[in-house]
Amino acid sequence: RLAPGMLTSVDTFRAGVAQDCVEQLGVDIVNDV
């Protein structure tokens, strides 16, 4: 809402969370510690 078009990554080590963030939330990058 506040930064449309900004590149986003999700910081998670869980595959299911990563998948939902990409497919449902439009996250661009997966950041796996």
Full PDB file with SEQRES, HELIX, SHEET, SSBOND, CRYST1, ORIGX, SCALE, CONECT and MASTER records, all heavy atoms in Angstrom:
SEQRES   1 A   33  ARG LEU ALA PRO GLY MET LEU THR SER VAL ASP THR PHE          
SEQRES   2 A   33  ARG ALA GLY VAL ALA GLN ASP CYS VAL GLU GLN LEU GLY          
SEQRES   3 A   33  VAL ASP ILE VAL ASN ASP VAL                                  
HELIX    1 AA1 ALA A   15  LEU A   25  1                                  11    
SHEET    1 AA1 2 SER A   9  ASP A  11  0                                        
SHEET    2 AA1 2 ILE A  29  ASN A  31  1                                        
CRYST1    1.000    1.000    1.000  90.00  90.00  90.00 P 1           1          
ORIGX1      1.000000  0.000000  0.000000        0.00000                         
ORIGX2      0.000000  1.000000  0.000000        0.00000                         
ORIGX3      0.000000  0.000000  1.000000        0.00000                         
SCALE1      1.000000  0.000000  0.000000        0.00000                         
SCALE2      0.000000  1.000000  0.000000        0.00000                         
SCALE3      0.000000  0.000000  1.000000        0.00000                         
ATOM      1  N   ARG A   1       0.821  -1.212   0.000  1.00  0.00           N  
ATOM      2  CA  ARG A   1       0.000   0.000   0.000  1.00  0.00           C  
ATOM      3  C   ARG A   1       0.854   1.261   0.000  1.00  0.00           C  
ATOM      4  O   ARG A   1       0.543   2.238  -0.697  1.00  0.00           O  
ATOM      5  CB  ARG A   1      -0.938  -0.008   1.216  1.00  0.00           C  
ATOM      6  CG  ARG A   1      -1.755   1.266   1.392  1.00  0.00           C  
ATOM      7  CD  ARG A   1      -2.938   1.060   2.305  1.00  0.00           C  
ATOM      8  NE  ARG A   1      -2.596   0.425   3.560  1.00  0.00           N  
ATOM      9  CZ  ARG A   1      -2.146   1.065   4.639  1.00  0.00           C  
ATOM     10  NH1 ARG A   1      -1.965   2.396   4.595  1.00  0.00           N  
ATOM     11  NH2 ARG A   1      -1.879   0.419   5.761  1.00  0.00           N  
ATOM     12  N   LEU A   2       1.932   1.247   0.765  1.00  0.00           N  
ATOM     13  CA  LEU A   2       2.745   2.458   0.917  1.00  0.00           C  
ATOM     14  C   LEU A   2       3.924   2.518  -0.051  1.00  0.00           C  
ATOM     15  O   LEU A   2       4.445   3.602  -0.311  1.00  0.00           O  
ATOM     16  CB  LEU A   2       3.271   2.548   2.355  1.00  0.00           C  
ATOM     17  CG  LEU A   2       2.222   2.667   3.462  1.00  0.00           C  
ATOM     18  CD1 LEU A   2       2.905   2.763   4.818  1.00  0.00           C  
ATOM     19  CD2 LEU A   2       1.327   3.881   3.240  1.00  0.00           C  
ATOM     20  N   ALA A   3       4.340   1.366  -0.561  1.00  0.00           N  
ATOM     21  CA  ALA A   3       5.500   1.341  -1.449  1.00  0.00           C  
ATOM     22  C   ALA A   3       5.227   0.455  -2.655  1.00  0.00           C  
ATOM     23  O   ALA A   3       5.951  -0.517  -2.896  1.00  0.00           O  
ATOM     24  CB  ALA A   3       6.724   0.844  -0.686  1.00  0.00           C  
ATOM     25  N   PRO A   4       4.193   0.777  -3.431  1.00  0.00           N  
ATOM     26  CA  PRO A   4       3.879  -0.060  -4.593  1.00  0.00           C  
ATOM     27  C   PRO A   4       5.046  -0.068  -5.581  1.00  0.00           C  
ATOM     28  O   PRO A   4       5.643   0.966  -5.858  1.00  0.00           O  
ATOM     29  CB  PRO A   4       2.637   0.622  -5.188  1.00  0.00           C  
ATOM     30  CG  PRO A   4       2.701   2.037  -4.696  1.00  0.00           C  
ATOM     31  CD  PRO A   4       3.310   1.960  -3.342  1.00  0.00           C  
ATOM     32  N   GLY A   5       5.364  -1.243  -6.065  1.00  0.00           N  
ATOM     33  CA  GLY A   5       6.467  -1.358  -7.013  1.00  0.00           C  
ATOM     34  C   GLY A   5       7.820  -1.602  -6.378  1.00  0.00           C  
ATOM     35  O   GLY A   5       8.788  -1.917  -7.087  1.00  0.00           O  
ATOM     36  N   MET A   6       7.911  -1.465  -5.058  1.00  0.00           N  
ATOM     37  CA  MET A   6       9.175  -1.717  -4.363  1.00  0.00           C  
ATOM     38  C   MET A   6       9.487  -3.208  -4.395  1.00  0.00           C  
ATOM     39  O   MET A   6       8.621  -4.045  -4.151  1.00  0.00           O  
ATOM     40  CB  MET A   6       9.083  -1.243  -2.909  1.00  0.00           C  
ATOM     41  CG  MET A   6      10.291  -1.574  -2.042  1.00  0.00           C  
ATOM     42  SD  MET A   6      11.697  -0.471  -2.283  1.00  0.00           S  
ATOM     43  CE  MET A   6      11.168   0.976  -1.346  1.00  0.00           C  
ATOM     44  N   LEU A   7      10.729  -3.572  -4.701  1.00  0.00           N  
ATOM     45  CA  LEU A   7      11.142  -4.966  -4.631  1.00  0.00           C  
ATOM     46  C   LEU A   7      11.041  -5.452  -3.189  1.00  0.00           C  
ATOM     47  O   LEU A   7      11.451  -4.752  -2.248  1.00  0.00           O  
ATOM     48  CB  LEU A   7      12.587  -5.120  -5.094  1.00  0.00           C  
ATOM     49  CG  LEU A   7      12.864  -5.350  -6.571  1.00  0.00           C  
ATOM     50  CD1 LEU A   7      14.371  -5.400  -6.797  1.00  0.00           C  
ATOM     51  CD2 LEU A   7      12.217  -6.632  -7.061  1.00  0.00           C  
ATOM     52  N   THR A   8      10.489  -6.661  -3.013  1.00  0.00           N  
ATOM     53  CA  THR A   8      10.322  -7.203  -1.670  1.00  0.00           C  
ATOM     54  C   THR A   8      10.916  -8.598  -1.581  1.00  0.00           C  
ATOM     55  O   THR A   8      10.885  -9.373  -2.532  1.00  0.00           O  
ATOM     56  CB  THR A   8       8.838  -7.284  -1.286  1.00  0.00           C  
ATOM     57  OG1 THR A   8       8.132  -8.066  -2.257  1.00  0.00           O  
ATOM     58  CG2 THR A   8       8.227  -5.886  -1.200  1.00  0.00           C  
ATOM     59  N   SER A   9      11.464  -8.904  -0.419  1.00  0.00           N  
ATOM     60  CA  SER A   9      11.913 -10.266  -0.144  1.00  0.00           C  
ATOM     61  C   SER A   9      11.305 -10.712   1.172  1.00  0.00           C  
ATOM     62  O   SER A   9      11.012  -9.892   2.052  1.00  0.00           O  
ATOM     63  CB  SER A   9      13.440 -10.347  -0.081  1.00  0.00           C  
ATOM     64  OG  SER A   9      13.953  -9.562   0.975  1.00  0.00           O  
ATOM     65  N   VAL A  10      11.115 -12.028   1.310  1.00  0.00           N  
ATOM     66  CA  VAL A  10      10.614 -12.589   2.555  1.00  0.00           C  
ATOM     67  C   VAL A  10      11.738 -13.352   3.228  1.00  0.00           C  
ATOM     68  O   VAL A  10      12.393 -14.187   2.614  1.00  0.00           O  
ATOM     69  CB  VAL A  10       9.381 -13.498   2.337  1.00  0.00           C  
ATOM     70  CG1 VAL A  10       9.691 -14.655   1.395  1.00  0.00           C  
ATOM     71  CG2 VAL A  10       8.862 -14.019   3.673  1.00  0.00           C  
ATOM     72  N   ASP A  11      11.981 -13.043   4.477  1.00  0.00           N  
ATOM     73  CA  ASP A  11      13.028 -13.660   5.276  1.00  0.00           C  
ATOM     74  C   ASP A  11      12.409 -14.852   6.005  1.00  0.00           C  
ATOM     75  O   ASP A  11      11.814 -14.703   7.069  1.00  0.00           O  
ATOM     76  CB  ASP A  11      13.577 -12.622   6.253  1.00  0.00           C  
ATOM     77  CG  ASP A  11      14.691 -13.151   7.134  1.00  0.00           C  
ATOM     78  OD1 ASP A  11      15.033 -14.350   7.015  1.00  0.00           O  
ATOM     79  OD2 ASP A  11      15.214 -12.376   7.950  1.00  0.00           O  
ATOM     80  N   THR A  12      12.533 -16.046   5.422  1.00  0.00           N  
ATOM     81  CA  THR A  12      11.980 -17.252   6.030  1.00  0.00           C  
ATOM     82  C   THR A  12      12.785 -18.464   5.602  1.00  0.00           C  
ATOM     83  O   THR A  12      13.360 -18.477   4.513  1.00  0.00           O  
ATOM     84  CB  THR A  12      10.499 -17.452   5.630  1.00  0.00           C  
ATOM     85  OG1 THR A  12       9.964 -18.577   6.346  1.00  0.00           O  
ATOM     86  CG2 THR A  12      10.350 -17.688   4.126  1.00  0.00           C  
ATOM     87  N   PHE A  13      12.834 -19.474   6.478  1.00  0.00           N  
ATOM     88  CA  PHE A  13      13.497 -20.735   6.113  1.00  0.00           C  
ATOM     89  C   PHE A  13      12.466 -21.821   5.805  1.00  0.00           C  
ATOM     90  O   PHE A  13      12.833 -22.964   5.555  1.00  0.00           O  
ATOM     91  CB  PHE A  13      14.439 -21.202   7.220  1.00  0.00           C  
ATOM     92  CG  PHE A  13      13.775 -21.412   8.564  1.00  0.00           C  
ATOM     93  CD1 PHE A  13      13.084 -22.584   8.848  1.00  0.00           C  
ATOM     94  CD2 PHE A  13      13.838 -20.432   9.541  1.00  0.00           C  
ATOM     95  CE1 PHE A  13      12.476 -22.776  10.077  1.00  0.00           C  
ATOM     96  CE2 PHE A  13      13.239 -20.616  10.782  1.00  0.00           C  
ATOM     97  CZ  PHE A  13      12.553 -21.791  11.052  1.00  0.00           C  
ATOM     98  N   ARG A  14      11.179 -21.459   5.821  1.00  0.00           N  
ATOM     99  CA  ARG A  14      10.114 -22.437   5.606  1.00  0.00           C  
ATOM    100  C   ARG A  14       9.594 -22.363   4.174  1.00  0.00           C  
ATOM    101  O   ARG A  14       9.154 -21.309   3.708  1.00  0.00           O  
ATOM    102  CB  ARG A  14       8.975 -22.179   6.572  1.00  0.00           C  
ATOM    103  CG  ARG A  14       9.309 -22.534   8.020  1.00  0.00           C  
ATOM    104  CD  ARG A  14       8.252 -22.044   8.957  1.00  0.00           C  
ATOM    105  NE  ARG A  14       8.379 -22.650  10.275  1.00  0.00           N  
ATOM    106  CZ  ARG A  14       7.991 -22.057  11.412  1.00  0.00           C  
ATOM    107  NH1 ARG A  14       7.436 -20.849  11.365  1.00  0.00           N  
ATOM    108  NH2 ARG A  14       8.134 -22.676  12.560  1.00  0.00           N  
ATOM    109  N   ALA A  15       9.615 -23.515   3.493  1.00  0.00           N  
ATOM    110  CA  ALA A  15       9.194 -23.561   2.097  1.00  0.00           C  
ATOM    111  C   ALA A  15       7.725 -23.181   1.938  1.00  0.00           C  
ATOM    112  O   ALA A  15       7.360 -22.444   1.012  1.00  0.00           O  
ATOM    113  CB  ALA A  15       9.436 -24.961   1.532  1.00  0.00           C  
ATOM    114  N   GLY A  16       6.870 -23.664   2.816  1.00  0.00           N  
ATOM    115  CA  GLY A  16       5.448 -23.363   2.704  1.00  0.00           C  
ATOM    116  C   GLY A  16       5.158 -21.890   2.881  1.00  0.00           C  
ATOM    117  O   GLY A  16       4.334 -21.312   2.152  1.00  0.00           O  
ATOM    118  N   VAL A  17       5.826 -21.270   3.833  1.00  0.00           N  
ATOM    119  CA  VAL A  17       5.646 -19.833   4.050  1.00  0.00           C  
ATOM    120  C   VAL A  17       6.165 -19.060   2.845  1.00  0.00           C  
ATOM    121  O   VAL A  17       5.524 -18.107   2.380  1.00  0.00           O  
ATOM    122  CB  VAL A  17       6.363 -19.393   5.342  1.00  0.00           C  
ATOM    123  CG1 VAL A  17       6.343 -17.866   5.475  1.00  0.00           C  
ATOM    124  CG2 VAL A  17       5.710 -20.033   6.565  1.00  0.00           C  
ATOM    125  N   ALA A  18       7.320 -19.465   2.334  1.00  0.00           N  
ATOM    126  CA  ALA A  18       7.872 -18.802   1.151  1.00  0.00           C  
ATOM    127  C   ALA A  18       6.915 -18.895  -0.021  1.00  0.00           C  
ATOM    128  O   ALA A  18       6.666 -17.904  -0.728  1.00  0.00           O  
ATOM    129  CB  ALA A  18       9.218 -19.420   0.784  1.00  0.00           C  
ATOM    130  N   GLN A  19       6.372 -20.073  -0.251  1.00  0.00           N  
ATOM    131  CA  GLN A  19       5.450 -20.254  -1.376  1.00  0.00           C  
ATOM    132  C   GLN A  19       4.215 -19.381  -1.232  1.00  0.00           C  
ATOM    133  O   GLN A  19       3.805 -18.710  -2.196  1.00  0.00           O  
ATOM    134  CB  GLN A  19       5.026 -21.724  -1.469  1.00  0.00           C  
ATOM    135  CG  GLN A  19       4.008 -21.988  -2.584  1.00  0.00           C  
ATOM    136  CD  GLN A  19       3.752 -23.464  -2.795  1.00  0.00           C  
ATOM    137  OE1 GLN A  19       4.669 -24.271  -2.758  1.00  0.00           O  
ATOM    138  NE2 GLN A  19       2.491 -23.827  -3.002  1.00  0.00           N  
ATOM    139  N   ASP A  20       3.629 -19.343  -0.051  1.00  0.00           N  
ATOM    140  CA  ASP A  20       2.431 -18.527   0.151  1.00  0.00           C  
ATOM    141  C   ASP A  20       2.742 -17.040  -0.017  1.00  0.00           C  
ATOM    142  O   ASP A  20       1.922 -16.279  -0.554  1.00  0.00           O  
ATOM    143  CB  ASP A  20       1.845 -18.781   1.537  1.00  0.00           C  
ATOM    144  CG  ASP A  20       1.182 -20.154   1.650  1.00  0.00           C  
ATOM    145  OD1 ASP A  20       0.893 -20.763   0.591  1.00  0.00           O  
ATOM    146  OD2 ASP A  20       0.964 -20.615   2.784  1.00  0.00           O  
ATOM    147  N   CYS A  21       3.915 -16.628   0.435  1.00  0.00           N  
ATOM    148  CA  CYS A  21       4.278 -15.215   0.314  1.00  0.00           C  
ATOM    149  C   CYS A  21       4.458 -14.809  -1.145  1.00  0.00           C  
ATOM    150  O   CYS A  21       4.077 -13.704  -1.538  1.00  0.00           O  
ATOM    151  CB  CYS A  21       5.556 -14.928   1.102  1.00  0.00           C  
ATOM    152  SG  CYS A  21       5.302 -14.857   2.885  1.00  0.00           S  
ATOM    153  N   VAL A  22       5.036 -15.696  -1.938  1.00  0.00           N  
ATOM    154  CA  VAL A  22       5.223 -15.397  -3.363  1.00  0.00           C  
ATOM    155  C   VAL A  22       3.889 -15.444  -4.101  1.00  0.00           C  
ATOM    156  O   VAL A  22       3.533 -14.527  -4.848  1.00  0.00           O  
ATOM    157  CB  VAL A  22       6.232 -16.376  -3.993  1.00  0.00           C  
ATOM    158  CG1 VAL A  22       6.271 -16.208  -5.520  1.00  0.00           C  
ATOM    159  CG2 VAL A  22       7.624 -16.152  -3.404  1.00  0.00           C  
ATOM    160  N   GLU A  23       3.131 -16.518  -3.894  1.00  0.00           N  
ATOM    161  CA  GLU A  23       1.905 -16.727  -4.671  1.00  0.00           C  
ATOM    162  C   GLU A  23       0.738 -15.885  -4.182  1.00  0.00           C  
ATOM    163  O   GLU A  23      -0.080 -15.432  -4.994  1.00  0.00           O  
ATOM    164  CB  GLU A  23       1.529 -18.204  -4.645  1.00  0.00           C  
ATOM    165  CG  GLU A  23       2.540 -19.099  -5.342  1.00  0.00           C  
ATOM    166  CD  GLU A  23       2.138 -20.555  -5.378  1.00  0.00           C  
ATOM    167  OE1 GLU A  23       1.289 -20.959  -4.543  1.00  0.00           O  
ATOM    168  OE2 GLU A  23       2.655 -21.298  -6.230  1.00  0.00           O  
ATOM    169  N   GLN A  24       0.648 -15.663  -2.884  1.00  0.00           N  
ATOM    170  CA  GLN A  24      -0.506 -14.939  -2.341  1.00  0.00           C  
ATOM    171  C   GLN A  24      -0.215 -13.470  -2.023  1.00  0.00           C  
ATOM    172  O   GLN A  24      -1.114 -12.634  -2.105  1.00  0.00           O  
ATOM    173  CB  GLN A  24      -1.008 -15.640  -1.060  1.00  0.00           C  
ATOM    174  CG  GLN A  24      -1.313 -17.111  -1.225  1.00  0.00           C  
ATOM    175  CD  GLN A  24      -2.401 -17.385  -2.248  1.00  0.00           C  
ATOM    176  OE1 GLN A  24      -3.358 -16.621  -2.384  1.00  0.00           O  
ATOM    177  NE2 GLN A  24      -2.261 -18.484  -2.991  1.00  0.00           N  
ATOM    178  N   LEU A  25       1.026 -13.165  -1.670  1.00  0.00           N  
ATOM    179  CA  LEU A  25       1.355 -11.808  -1.225  1.00  0.00           C  
ATOM    180  C   LEU A  25       2.217 -11.041  -2.222  1.00  0.00           C  
ATOM    181  O   LEU A  25       2.523  -9.880  -1.993  1.00  0.00           O  
ATOM    182  CB  LEU A  25       2.067 -11.866   0.135  1.00  0.00           C  
ATOM    183  CG  LEU A  25       1.328 -12.601   1.262  1.00  0.00           C  
ATOM    184  CD1 LEU A  25       2.136 -12.529   2.546  1.00  0.00           C  
ATOM    185  CD2 LEU A  25      -0.079 -12.028   1.469  1.00  0.00           C  
ATOM    186  N   GLY A  26       2.625 -11.690  -3.313  1.00  0.00           N  
ATOM    187  CA  GLY A  26       3.372 -10.980  -4.347  1.00  0.00           C  
ATOM    188  C   GLY A  26       4.806 -10.661  -4.007  1.00  0.00           C  
ATOM    189  O   GLY A  26       5.390  -9.719  -4.570  1.00  0.00           O  
ATOM    190  N   VAL A  27       5.415 -11.445  -3.119  1.00  0.00           N  
ATOM    191  CA  VAL A  27       6.821 -11.229  -2.774  1.00  0.00           C  
ATOM    192  C   VAL A  27       7.704 -11.618  -3.962  1.00  0.00           C  
ATOM    193  O   VAL A  27       7.429 -12.588  -4.667  1.00  0.00           O  
ATOM    194  CB  VAL A  27       7.191 -12.045  -1.515  1.00  0.00           C  
ATOM    195  CG1 VAL A  27       8.692 -12.080  -1.311  1.00  0.00           C  
ATOM    196  CG2 VAL A  27       6.494 -11.453  -0.292  1.00  0.00           C  
ATOM    197  N   ASP A  28       8.793 -10.867  -4.167  1.00  0.00           N  
ATOM    198  CA  ASP A  28       9.666 -11.075  -5.328  1.00  0.00           C  
ATOM    199  C   ASP A  28      10.804 -12.055  -5.085  1.00  0.00           C  
ATOM    200  O   ASP A  28      11.249 -12.737  -6.011  1.00  0.00           O  
ATOM    201  CB  ASP A  28      10.282  -9.730  -5.760  1.00  0.00           C  
ATOM    202  CG  ASP A  28       9.233  -8.701  -6.129  1.00  0.00           C  
ATOM    203  OD1 ASP A  28       8.491  -8.940  -7.089  1.00  0.00           O  
ATOM    204  OD2 ASP A  28       9.165  -7.659  -5.444  1.00  0.00           O  
ATOM    205  N   ILE A  29      11.328 -12.102  -3.851  1.00  0.00           N  
ATOM    206  CA  ILE A  29      12.580 -12.796  -3.558  1.00  0.00           C  
ATOM    207  C   ILE A  29      12.416 -13.600  -2.280  1.00  0.00           C  
ATOM    208  O   ILE A  29      11.747 -13.154  -1.331  1.00  0.00           O  
ATOM    209  CB  ILE A  29      13.720 -11.768  -3.371  1.00  0.00           C  
ATOM    210  CG1 ILE A  29      13.870 -10.887  -4.612  1.00  0.00           C  
ATOM    211  CG2 ILE A  29      15.042 -12.446  -3.025  1.00  0.00           C  
ATOM    212  CD1 ILE A  29      14.522  -9.553  -4.340  1.00  0.00           C  
ATOM    213  N   VAL A  30      13.035 -14.776  -2.221  1.00  0.00           N  
ATOM    214  CA  VAL A  30      13.058 -15.575  -0.998  1.00  0.00           C  
ATOM    215  C   VAL A  30      14.440 -15.460  -0.371  1.00  0.00           C  
ATOM    216  O   VAL A  30      15.451 -15.724  -1.029  1.00  0.00           O  
ATOM    217  CB  VAL A  30      12.721 -17.052  -1.282  1.00  0.00           C  
ATOM    218  CG1 VAL A  30      12.908 -17.892  -0.020  1.00  0.00           C  
ATOM    219  CG2 VAL A  30      11.292 -17.184  -1.803  1.00  0.00           C  
ATOM    220  N   ASN A  31      14.474 -15.069   0.891  1.00  0.00           N  
ATOM    221  CA  ASN A  31      15.718 -14.881   1.641  1.00  0.00           C  
ATOM    222  C   ASN A  31      15.767 -15.934   2.740  1.00  0.00           C  
ATOM    223  O   ASN A  31      15.062 -15.829   3.744  1.00  0.00           O  
ATOM    224  CB  ASN A  31      15.752 -13.469   2.230  1.00  0.00           C  
ATOM    225  CG  ASN A  31      17.022 -13.198   3.017  1.00  0.00           C  
ATOM    226  OD1 ASN A  31      17.976 -13.956   2.973  1.00  0.00           O  
ATOM    227  ND2 ASN A  31      17.034 -12.099   3.759  1.00  0.00           N  
ATOM    228  N   ASP A  32      16.586 -16.962   2.543  1.00  0.00           N  
ATOM    229  CA  ASP A  32      16.610 -18.131   3.422  1.00  0.00           C  
ATOM    230  C   ASP A  32      17.887 -18.152   4.245  1.00  0.00           C  
ATOM    231  O   ASP A  32      18.953 -18.487   3.741  1.00  0.00           O  
ATOM    232  CB  ASP A  32      16.494 -19.394   2.556  1.00  0.00           C  
ATOM    233  CG  ASP A  32      16.525 -20.685   3.351  1.00  0.00           C  
ATOM    234  OD1 ASP A  32      16.506 -20.624   4.601  1.00  0.00           O  
ATOM    235  OD2 ASP A  32      16.576 -21.759   2.725  1.00  0.00           O  
ATOM    236  N   VAL A  33      17.769 -17.842   5.545  1.00  0.00           N  
ATOM    237  CA  VAL A  33      18.956 -17.801   6.399  1.00  0.00           C  
ATOM    238  C   VAL A  33      19.579 -19.179   6.582  1.00  0.00           C  
ATOM    239  O   VAL A  33      20.751 -19.296   6.946  1.00  0.00           O  
ATOM    240  CB  VAL A  33      18.640 -17.207   7.792  1.00  0.00           C  
ATOM    241  CG1 VAL A  33      18.171 -15.774   7.681  1.00  0.00           C  
ATOM    242  CG2 VAL A  33      17.640 -18.062   8.563  1.00  0.00           C  
TER     243      VAL A  33                                                      
MASTER        0    0    0    1    2    0    0    6  242    1    0    3          
END                                                                             
